[in-house]
Amino acid sequence: MKPLGTAVRRRRSGQILFRGILPFILVAGWWFPALGYFIPLCMVAGVGIALFKGRYWCDWLCPRGSSFDLVLSRVSFKKKIPAFFQS
């Protein structure tokens, strides 16, 4: 098993990469409509990864989820999540 620091760095680098790709695809899609095929590919990738690794895509790579993590970490009260919301 990898040390926690390595896993966190790997997660953050993946999130930064995907957080930058999505806005690029959305803006560049105005001039190159074929880039629109990337969005369904992301959806298929998320479902495909979910079959083998569970919520890995949503938790580690999804641009929307990582952006939420970034914003909410700055305004969060850092309280423990109640057990009934965790399952």
PDB file of N, CA and C in Angstrom:
ATOM      1  N   MET A   1       0.836  -1.183   0.000  1.00  0.00           N
ATOM      2  CA  MET A   1       0.000   0.000   0.000  1.00  0.00           C
ATOM      3  C   MET A   1       0.879   1.245   0.000  1.00  0.00           C
ATOM      4  N   LYS A   2       0.469   2.270  -0.719  1.00  0.00           N
ATOM      5  CA  LYS A   2       1.250   3.491  -0.843  1.00  0.00           C
ATOM      6  C   LYS A   2       1.044   4.381   0.367  1.00  0.00           C
ATOM      7  N   PRO A   3       2.073   5.152   0.727  1.00  0.00           N
ATOM      8  CA  PRO A   3       1.905   6.101   1.830  1.00  0.00           C
ATOM      9  C   PRO A   3       0.824   7.130   1.507  1.00  0.00           C
ATOM     10  N   LEU A   4       0.203   7.647   2.540  1.00  0.00           N
ATOM     11  CA  LEU A   4      -0.906   8.577   2.367  1.00  0.00           C
ATOM     12  C   LEU A   4      -0.481   9.834   1.612  1.00  0.00           C
ATOM     13  N   GLY A   5       0.695  10.346   1.880  1.00  0.00           N
ATOM     14  CA  GLY A   5       1.160  11.559   1.204  1.00  0.00           C
ATOM     15  C   GLY A   5       1.261  11.374  -0.297  1.00  0.00           C
ATOM     16  N   THR A   6       1.740  10.220  -0.727  1.00  0.00           N
ATOM     17  CA  THR A   6       1.849   9.940  -2.159  1.00  0.00           C
ATOM     18  C   THR A   6       0.467   9.853  -2.797  1.00  0.00           C
ATOM     19  N   ALA A   7      -0.459   9.218  -2.118  1.00  0.00           N
ATOM     20  CA  ALA A   7      -1.819   9.092  -2.651  1.00  0.00           C
ATOM     21  C   ALA A   7      -2.495  10.455  -2.761  1.00  0.00           C
ATOM     22  N   VAL A   8      -2.294  11.307  -1.771  1.00  0.00           N
ATOM     23  CA  VAL A   8      -2.902  12.638  -1.795  1.00  0.00           C
ATOM     24  C   VAL A   8      -2.310  13.469  -2.924  1.00  0.00           C
ATOM     25  N   ARG A   9      -1.002  13.412  -3.113  1.00  0.00           N
ATOM     26  CA  ARG A   9      -0.370  14.154  -4.210  1.00  0.00           C
ATOM     27  C   ARG A   9      -0.867  13.660  -5.558  1.00  0.00           C
ATOM     28  N   ARG A  10      -0.998  12.337  -5.698  1.00  0.00           N
ATOM     29  CA  ARG A  10      -1.496  11.767  -6.946  1.00  0.00           C
ATOM     30  C   ARG A  10      -2.944  12.197  -7.208  1.00  0.00           C
ATOM     31  N   ARG A  11      -3.742  12.225  -6.157  1.00  0.00           N
ATOM     32  CA  ARG A  11      -5.134  12.650  -6.297  1.00  0.00           C
ATOM     33  C   ARG A  11      -5.213  14.105  -6.727  1.00  0.00           C
ATOM     34  N   ARG A  12      -4.441  14.955  -6.068  1.00  0.00           N
ATOM     35  CA  ARG A  12      -4.484  16.384  -6.403  1.00  0.00           C
ATOM     36  C   ARG A  12      -3.995  16.652  -7.819  1.00  0.00           C
ATOM     37  N   SER A  13      -2.970  15.961  -8.258  1.00  0.00           N
ATOM     38  CA  SER A  13      -2.479  16.183  -9.621  1.00  0.00           C
ATOM     39  C   SER A  13      -3.524  15.730 -10.646  1.00  0.00           C
ATOM     40  N   GLY A  14      -4.204  14.631 -10.382  1.00  0.00           N
ATOM     41  CA  GLY A  14      -5.275  14.185 -11.277  1.00  0.00           C
ATOM     42  C   GLY A  14      -6.432  15.167 -11.301  1.00  0.00           C
ATOM     43  N   GLN A  15      -6.786  15.701 -10.141  1.00  0.00           N
ATOM     44  CA  GLN A  15      -7.875  16.665 -10.067  1.00  0.00           C
ATOM     45  C   GLN A  15      -7.521  17.947 -10.817  1.00  0.00           C
ATOM     46  N   ILE A  16      -6.300  18.418 -10.652  1.00  0.00           N
ATOM     47  CA  ILE A  16      -5.877  19.637 -11.347  1.00  0.00           C
ATOM     48  C   ILE A  16      -5.900  19.418 -12.850  1.00  0.00           C
ATOM     49  N   LEU A  17      -5.429  18.264 -13.285  1.00  0.00           N
ATOM     50  CA  LEU A  17      -5.422  17.947 -14.712  1.00  0.00           C
ATOM     51  C   LEU A  17      -6.838  17.952 -15.276  1.00  0.00           C
ATOM     52  N   PHE A  18      -7.740  17.229 -14.646  1.00  0.00           N
ATOM     53  CA  PHE A  18      -9.110  17.138 -15.156  1.00  0.00           C
ATOM     54  C   PHE A  18      -9.884  18.435 -14.968  1.00  0.00           C
ATOM     55  N   ARG A  19      -9.562  19.202 -13.929  1.00  0.00           N
ATOM     56  CA  ARG A  19     -10.219  20.485 -13.716  1.00  0.00           C
ATOM     57  C   ARG A  19      -9.836  21.470 -14.818  1.00  0.00           C
ATOM     58  N   GLY A  20      -8.662  21.328 -15.393  1.00  0.00           N
ATOM     59  CA  GLY A  20      -8.243  22.191 -16.479  1.00  0.00           C
ATOM     60  C   GLY A  20      -8.746  21.736 -17.836  1.00  0.00           C
ATOM     61  N   ILE A  21      -8.915  20.441 -18.005  1.00  0.00           N
ATOM     62  CA  ILE A  21      -9.339  19.904 -19.296  1.00  0.00           C
ATOM     63  C   ILE A  21     -10.788  20.254 -19.605  1.00  0.00           C
ATOM     64  N   LEU A  22     -11.674  20.139 -18.638  1.00  0.00           N
ATOM     65  CA  LEU A  22     -13.098  20.362 -18.894  1.00  0.00           C
ATOM     66  C   LEU A  22     -13.402  21.767 -19.414  1.00  0.00           C
ATOM     67  N   PRO A  23     -12.925  22.844 -18.754  1.00  0.00           N
ATOM     68  CA  PRO A  23     -13.206  24.174 -19.314  1.00  0.00           C
ATOM     69  C   PRO A  23     -12.587  24.366 -20.702  1.00  0.00           C
ATOM     70  N   PHE A  24     -11.411  23.781 -20.925  1.00  0.00           N
ATOM     71  CA  PHE A  24     -10.787  23.872 -22.237  1.00  0.00           C
ATOM     72  C   PHE A  24     -11.670  23.238 -23.307  1.00  0.00           C
ATOM     73  N   ILE A  25     -12.194  22.052 -23.013  1.00  0.00           N
ATOM     74  CA  ILE A  25     -13.061  21.358 -23.975  1.00  0.00           C
ATOM     75  C   ILE A  25     -14.324  22.168 -24.239  1.00  0.00           C
ATOM     76  N   LEU A  26     -14.899  22.739 -23.183  1.00  0.00           N
ATOM     77  CA  LEU A  26     -16.134  23.517 -23.355  1.00  0.00           C
ATOM     78  C   LEU A  26     -15.906  24.760 -24.211  1.00  0.00           C
ATOM     79  N   VAL A  27     -14.798  25.465 -23.997  1.00  0.00           N
ATOM     80  CA  VAL A  27     -14.514  26.675 -24.762  1.00  0.00           C
ATOM     81  C   VAL A  27     -14.073  26.323 -26.182  1.00  0.00           C
ATOM     82  N   ALA A  28     -13.163  25.375 -26.306  1.00  0.00           N
ATOM     83  CA  ALA A  28     -12.658  25.004 -27.631  1.00  0.00           C
ATOM     84  C   ALA A  28     -13.745  24.347 -28.480  1.00  0.00           C
ATOM     85  N   GLY A  29     -14.757  23.802 -27.843  1.00  0.00           N
ATOM     86  CA  GLY A  29     -15.850  23.175 -28.570  1.00  0.00           C
ATOM     87  C   GLY A  29     -16.626  24.134 -29.460  1.00  0.00           C
ATOM     88  N   TRP A  30     -16.565  25.424 -29.156  1.00  0.00           N
ATOM     89  CA  TRP A  30     -17.218  26.413 -30.016  1.00  0.00           C
ATOM     90  C   TRP A  30     -16.564  26.459 -31.390  1.00  0.00           C
ATOM     91  N   TRP A  31     -15.247  26.249 -31.454  1.00  0.00           N
ATOM     92  CA  TRP A  31     -14.528  26.308 -32.728  1.00  0.00           C
ATOM     93  C   TRP A  31     -14.291  24.932 -33.341  1.00  0.00           C
ATOM     94  N   PHE A  32     -14.218  23.910 -32.493  1.00  0.00           N
ATOM     95  CA  PHE A  32     -13.981  22.542 -32.960  1.00  0.00           C
ATOM     96  C   PHE A  32     -15.069  21.635 -32.379  1.00  0.00           C
ATOM     97  N   PRO A  33     -16.234  21.574 -32.997  1.00  0.00           N
ATOM     98  CA  PRO A  33     -17.360  20.820 -32.438  1.00  0.00           C
ATOM     99  C   PRO A  33     -17.064  19.337 -32.199  1.00  0.00           C
ATOM    100  N   ALA A  34     -16.084  18.783 -32.901  1.00  0.00           N
ATOM    101  CA  ALA A  34     -15.750  17.372 -32.694  1.00  0.00           C
ATOM    102  C   ALA A  34     -15.269  17.115 -31.269  1.00  0.00           C
ATOM    103  N   LEU A  35     -14.799  18.143 -30.575  1.00  0.00           N
ATOM    104  CA  LEU A  35     -14.374  17.972 -29.181  1.00  0.00           C
ATOM    105  C   LEU A  35     -15.549  17.620 -28.276  1.00  0.00           C
ATOM    106  N   GLY A  36     -16.755  17.867 -28.752  1.00  0.00           N
ATOM    107  CA  GLY A  36     -17.948  17.520 -27.977  1.00  0.00           C
ATOM    108  C   GLY A  36     -18.062  16.030 -27.706  1.00  0.00           C
ATOM    109  N   TYR A  37     -17.380  15.213 -28.512  1.00  0.00           N
ATOM    110  CA  TYR A  37     -17.391  13.765 -28.271  1.00  0.00           C
ATOM    111  C   TYR A  37     -16.609  13.386 -27.020  1.00  0.00           C
ATOM    112  N   PHE A  38     -15.823  14.295 -26.517  1.00  0.00           N
ATOM    113  CA  PHE A  38     -15.068  14.038 -25.297  1.00  0.00           C
ATOM    114  C   PHE A  38     -15.990  13.917 -24.084  1.00  0.00           C
ATOM    115  N   ILE A  39     -17.060  14.697 -24.060  1.00  0.00           N
ATOM    116  CA  ILE A  39     -17.966  14.699 -22.900  1.00  0.00           C
ATOM    117  C   ILE A  39     -18.652  13.334 -22.719  1.00  0.00           C
ATOM    118  N   PRO A  40     -19.266  12.741 -23.761  1.00  0.00           N
ATOM    119  CA  PRO A  40     -19.808  11.391 -23.569  1.00  0.00           C
ATOM    120  C   PRO A  40     -18.719  10.378 -23.225  1.00  0.00           C
ATOM    121  N   LEU A  41     -17.514  10.586 -23.753  1.00  0.00           N
ATOM    122  CA  LEU A  41     -16.398   9.699 -23.414  1.00  0.00           C
ATOM    123  C   LEU A  41     -16.103   9.765 -21.914  1.00  0.00           C
ATOM    124  N   CYS A  42     -16.172  10.957 -21.342  1.00  0.00           N
ATOM    125  CA  CYS A  42     -15.983  11.106 -19.886  1.00  0.00           C
ATOM    126  C   CYS A  42     -17.066  10.351 -19.115  1.00  0.00           C
ATOM    127  N   MET A  43     -18.291  10.433 -19.610  1.00  0.00           N
ATOM    128  CA  MET A  43     -19.388   9.728 -18.942  1.00  0.00           C
ATOM    129  C   MET A  43     -19.187   8.218 -19.010  1.00  0.00           C
ATOM    130  N   VAL A  44     -18.816   7.731 -20.179  1.00  0.00           N
ATOM    131  CA  VAL A  44     -18.577   6.293 -20.344  1.00  0.00           C
ATOM    132  C   VAL A  44     -17.391   5.853 -19.487  1.00  0.00           C
ATOM    133  N   ALA A  45     -16.354   6.680 -19.426  1.00  0.00           N
ATOM    134  CA  ALA A  45     -15.191   6.350 -18.595  1.00  0.00           C
ATOM    135  C   ALA A  45     -15.585   6.261 -17.126  1.00  0.00           C
ATOM    136  N   GLY A  46     -16.424   7.205 -16.679  1.00  0.00           N
ATOM    137  CA  GLY A  46     -16.867   7.171 -15.284  1.00  0.00           C
ATOM    138  C   GLY A  46     -17.638   5.911 -14.951  1.00  0.00           C
ATOM    139  N   VAL A  47     -18.542   5.509 -15.838  1.00  0.00           N
ATOM    140  CA  VAL A  47     -19.323   4.285 -15.620  1.00  0.00           C
ATOM    141  C   VAL A  47     -18.416   3.058 -15.700  1.00  0.00           C
ATOM    142  N   GLY A  48     -17.510   3.059 -16.677  1.00  0.00           N
ATOM    143  CA  GLY A  48     -16.597   1.918 -16.830  1.00  0.00           C
ATOM    144  C   GLY A  48     -15.676   1.746 -15.628  1.00  0.00           C
ATOM    145  N   ILE A  49     -15.131   2.847 -15.135  1.00  0.00           N
ATOM    146  CA  ILE A  49     -14.262   2.781 -13.954  1.00  0.00           C
ATOM    147  C   ILE A  49     -15.071   2.356 -12.736  1.00  0.00           C
ATOM    148  N   ALA A  50     -16.317   2.812 -12.641  1.00  0.00           N
ATOM    149  CA  ALA A  50     -17.166   2.465 -11.502  1.00  0.00           C
ATOM    150  C   ALA A  50     -17.417   0.959 -11.424  1.00  0.00           C
ATOM    151  N   LEU A  51     -17.458   0.296 -12.567  1.00  0.00           N
ATOM    152  CA  LEU A  51     -17.675  -1.154 -12.548  1.00  0.00           C
ATOM    153  C   LEU A  51     -16.548  -1.901 -11.846  1.00  0.00           C
ATOM    154  N   PHE A  52     -15.329  -1.364 -11.943  1.00  0.00           N
ATOM    155  CA  PHE A  52     -14.168  -2.065 -11.391  1.00  0.00           C
ATOM    156  C   PHE A  52     -13.621  -1.445 -10.108  1.00  0.00           C
ATOM    157  N   LYS A  53     -13.746  -0.119  -9.956  1.00  0.00           N
ATOM    158  CA  LYS A  53     -13.130   0.547  -8.808  1.00  0.00           C
ATOM    159  C   LYS A  53     -14.118   1.327  -7.953  1.00  0.00           C
ATOM    160  N   GLY A  54     -15.395   1.127  -8.145  1.00  0.00           N
ATOM    161  CA  GLY A  54     -16.386   1.831  -7.334  1.00  0.00           C
ATOM    162  C   GLY A  54     -16.440   3.316  -7.669  1.00  0.00           C
ATOM    163  N   ARG A  55     -16.376   4.155  -6.658  1.00  0.00           N
ATOM    164  CA  ARG A  55     -16.507   5.602  -6.851  1.00  0.00           C
ATOM    165  C   ARG A  55     -15.177   6.295  -7.124  1.00  0.00           C
ATOM    166  N   TYR A  56     -14.224   5.601  -7.654  1.00  0.00           N
ATOM    167  CA  TYR A  56     -12.898   6.165  -7.911  1.00  0.00           C
ATOM    168  C   TYR A  56     -12.991   7.401  -8.802  1.00  0.00           C
ATOM    169  N   TRP A  57     -13.760   7.327  -9.880  1.00  0.00           N
ATOM    170  CA  TRP A  57     -13.889   8.464 -10.798  1.00  0.00           C
ATOM    171  C   TRP A  57     -14.484   9.662 -10.069  1.00  0.00           C
ATOM    172  N   CYS A  58     -15.597   9.465  -9.378  1.00  0.00           N
ATOM    173  CA  CYS A  58     -16.274  10.571  -8.701  1.00  0.00           C
ATOM    174  C   CYS A  58     -15.414  11.150  -7.578  1.00  0.00           C
ATOM    175  N   ASP A  59     -14.712  10.291  -6.883  1.00  0.00           N
ATOM    176  CA  ASP A  59     -13.950  10.742  -5.731  1.00  0.00           C
ATOM    177  C   ASP A  59     -12.599  11.333  -6.119  1.00  0.00           C
ATOM    178  N   TRP A  60     -11.932  10.776  -7.114  1.00  0.00           N
ATOM    179  CA  TRP A  60     -10.554  11.172  -7.400  1.00  0.00           C
ATOM    180  C   TRP A  60     -10.378  11.990  -8.669  1.00  0.00           C
ATOM    181  N   LEU A  61     -11.234  11.846  -9.666  1.00  0.00           N
ATOM    182  CA  LEU A  61     -10.942  12.454 -10.957  1.00  0.00           C
ATOM    183  C   LEU A  61     -11.993  13.427 -11.481  1.00  0.00           C
ATOM    184  N   CYS A  62     -13.221  13.302 -11.085  1.00  0.00           N
ATOM    185  CA  CYS A  62     -14.302  14.100 -11.654  1.00  0.00           C
ATOM    186  C   CYS A  62     -14.040  15.602 -11.479  1.00  0.00           C
ATOM    187  N   PRO A  63     -14.059  16.398 -12.562  1.00  0.00           N
ATOM    188  CA  PRO A  63     -13.808  17.833 -12.434  1.00  0.00           C
ATOM    189  C   PRO A  63     -14.831  18.538 -11.545  1.00  0.00           C
ATOM    190  N   ARG A  64     -16.068  18.129 -11.622  1.00  0.00           N
ATOM    191  CA  ARG A  64     -17.099  18.755 -10.795  1.00  0.00           C
ATOM    192  C   ARG A  64     -16.869  18.462  -9.314  1.00  0.00           C
ATOM    193  N   GLY A  65     -16.585  17.203  -9.020  1.00  0.00           N
ATOM    194  CA  GLY A  65     -16.347  16.826  -7.631  1.00  0.00           C
ATOM    195  C   GLY A  65     -15.101  17.466  -7.051  1.00  0.00           C
ATOM    196  N   SER A  66     -14.039  17.535  -7.831  1.00  0.00           N
ATOM    197  CA  SER A  66     -12.808  18.141  -7.319  1.00  0.00           C
ATOM    198  C   SER A  66     -12.975  19.650  -7.151  1.00  0.00           C
ATOM    199  N   SER A  67     -13.768  20.291  -8.006  1.00  0.00           N
ATOM    200  CA  SER A  67     -14.028  21.726  -7.838  1.00  0.00           C
ATOM    201  C   SER A  67     -14.849  21.966  -6.576  1.00  0.00           C
ATOM    202  N   PHE A  68     -15.836  21.096  -6.336  1.00  0.00           N
ATOM    203  CA  PHE A  68     -16.600  21.194  -5.092  1.00  0.00           C
ATOM    204  C   PHE A  68     -15.682  21.027  -3.885  1.00  0.00           C
ATOM    205  N   ASP A  69     -14.770  20.064  -3.936  1.00  0.00           N
ATOM    206  CA  ASP A  69     -13.820  19.861  -2.839  1.00  0.00           C
ATOM    207  C   ASP A  69     -13.012  21.125  -2.588  1.00  0.00           C
ATOM    208  N   LEU A  70     -12.560  21.746  -3.657  1.00  0.00           N
ATOM    209  CA  LEU A  70     -11.735  22.945  -3.544  1.00  0.00           C
ATOM    210  C   LEU A  70     -12.513  24.088  -2.908  1.00  0.00           C
ATOM    211  N   VAL A  71     -13.725  24.339  -3.383  1.00  0.00           N
ATOM    212  CA  VAL A  71     -14.523  25.453  -2.878  1.00  0.00           C
ATOM    213  C   VAL A  71     -15.014  25.176  -1.456  1.00  0.00           C
ATOM    214  N   LEU A  72     -15.567  23.990  -1.249  1.00  0.00           N
ATOM    215  CA  LEU A  72     -16.139  23.685   0.065  1.00  0.00           C
ATOM    216  C   LEU A  72     -15.089  23.563   1.158  1.00  0.00           C
ATOM    217  N   SER A  73     -13.865  23.188   0.807  1.00  0.00           N
ATOM    218  CA  SER A  73     -12.822  23.091   1.836  1.00  0.00           C
ATOM    219  C   SER A  73     -12.484  24.470   2.402  1.00  0.00           C
ATOM    220  N   ARG A  74     -12.717  25.508   1.628  1.00  0.00           N
ATOM    221  CA  ARG A  74     -12.416  26.863   2.094  1.00  0.00           C
ATOM    222  C   ARG A  74     -13.524  27.445   2.975  1.00  0.00           C
ATOM    223  N   VAL A  75     -14.756  26.974   2.817  1.00  0.00           N
ATOM    224  CA  VAL A  75     -15.869  27.529   3.588  1.00  0.00           C
ATOM    225  C   VAL A  75     -16.429  26.526   4.602  1.00  0.00           C
ATOM    226  N   SER A  76     -15.854  25.349   4.678  1.00  0.00           N
ATOM    227  CA  SER A  76     -16.371  24.306   5.562  1.00  0.00           C
ATOM    228  C   SER A  76     -16.057  24.605   7.028  1.00  0.00           C
ATOM    229  N   PHE A  77     -16.906  24.113   7.908  1.00  0.00           N
ATOM    230  CA  PHE A  77     -16.670  24.230   9.341  1.00  0.00           C
ATOM    231  C   PHE A  77     -15.817  23.078   9.863  1.00  0.00           C
ATOM    232  N   LYS A  78     -15.470  22.132   8.995  1.00  0.00           N
ATOM    233  CA  LYS A  78     -14.623  20.974   9.310  1.00  0.00           C
ATOM    234  C   LYS A  78     -15.219  20.107  10.422  1.00  0.00           C
ATOM    235  N   LYS A  79     -16.528  19.984  10.436  1.00  0.00           N
ATOM    236  CA  LYS A  79     -17.191  19.130  11.424  1.00  0.00           C
ATOM    237  C   LYS A  79     -17.277  17.709  10.888  1.00  0.00           C
ATOM    238  N   LYS A  80     -17.371  16.739  11.793  1.00  0.00           N
ATOM    239  CA  LYS A  80     -17.491  15.342  11.411  1.00  0.00           C
ATOM    240  C   LYS A  80     -18.863  15.096  10.782  1.00  0.00           C
ATOM    241  N   ILE A  81     -18.871  14.311   9.693  1.00  0.00           N
ATOM    242  CA  ILE A  81     -20.114  13.997   8.994  1.00  0.00           C
ATOM    243  C   ILE A  81     -20.893  12.969   9.822  1.00  0.00           C
ATOM    244  N   PRO A  82     -22.196  13.190  10.055  1.00  0.00           N
ATOM    245  CA  PRO A  82     -22.993  12.202  10.800  1.00  0.00           C
ATOM    246  C   PRO A  82     -22.987  10.843  10.114  1.00  0.00           C
ATOM    247  N   ALA A  83     -23.045   9.795  10.907  1.00  0.00           N
ATOM    248  CA  ALA A  83     -22.940   8.426  10.391  1.00  0.00           C
ATOM    249  C   ALA A  83     -24.052   8.102   9.388  1.00  0.00           C
ATOM    250  N   PHE A  84     -25.269   8.626   9.601  1.00  0.00           N
ATOM    251  CA  PHE A  84     -26.369   8.277   8.694  1.00  0.00           C
ATOM    252  C   PHE A  84     -26.200   8.911   7.314  1.00  0.00           C
ATOM    253  N   PHE A  85     -25.317   9.920   7.156  1.00  0.00           N
ATOM    254  CA  PHE A  85     -25.033  10.481   5.839  1.00  0.00           C
ATOM    255  C   PHE A  85     -23.899   9.750   5.136  1.00  0.00           C
ATOM    256  N   GLN A  86     -23.166   8.923   5.840  1.00  0.00           N
ATOM    257  CA  GLN A  86     -22.005   8.246   5.263  1.00  0.00           C
ATOM    258  C   GLN A  86     -22.336   6.952   4.554  1.00  0.00           C
ATOM    259  N   SER A  87     -23.520   6.439   4.756  1.00  0.00           N
ATOM    260  CA  SER A  87     -23.851   5.146   4.119  1.00  0.00           C
ATOM    261  C   SER A  87     -25.074   5.272   3.252  1.00  0.00           C
TER     262      SER A  87
END
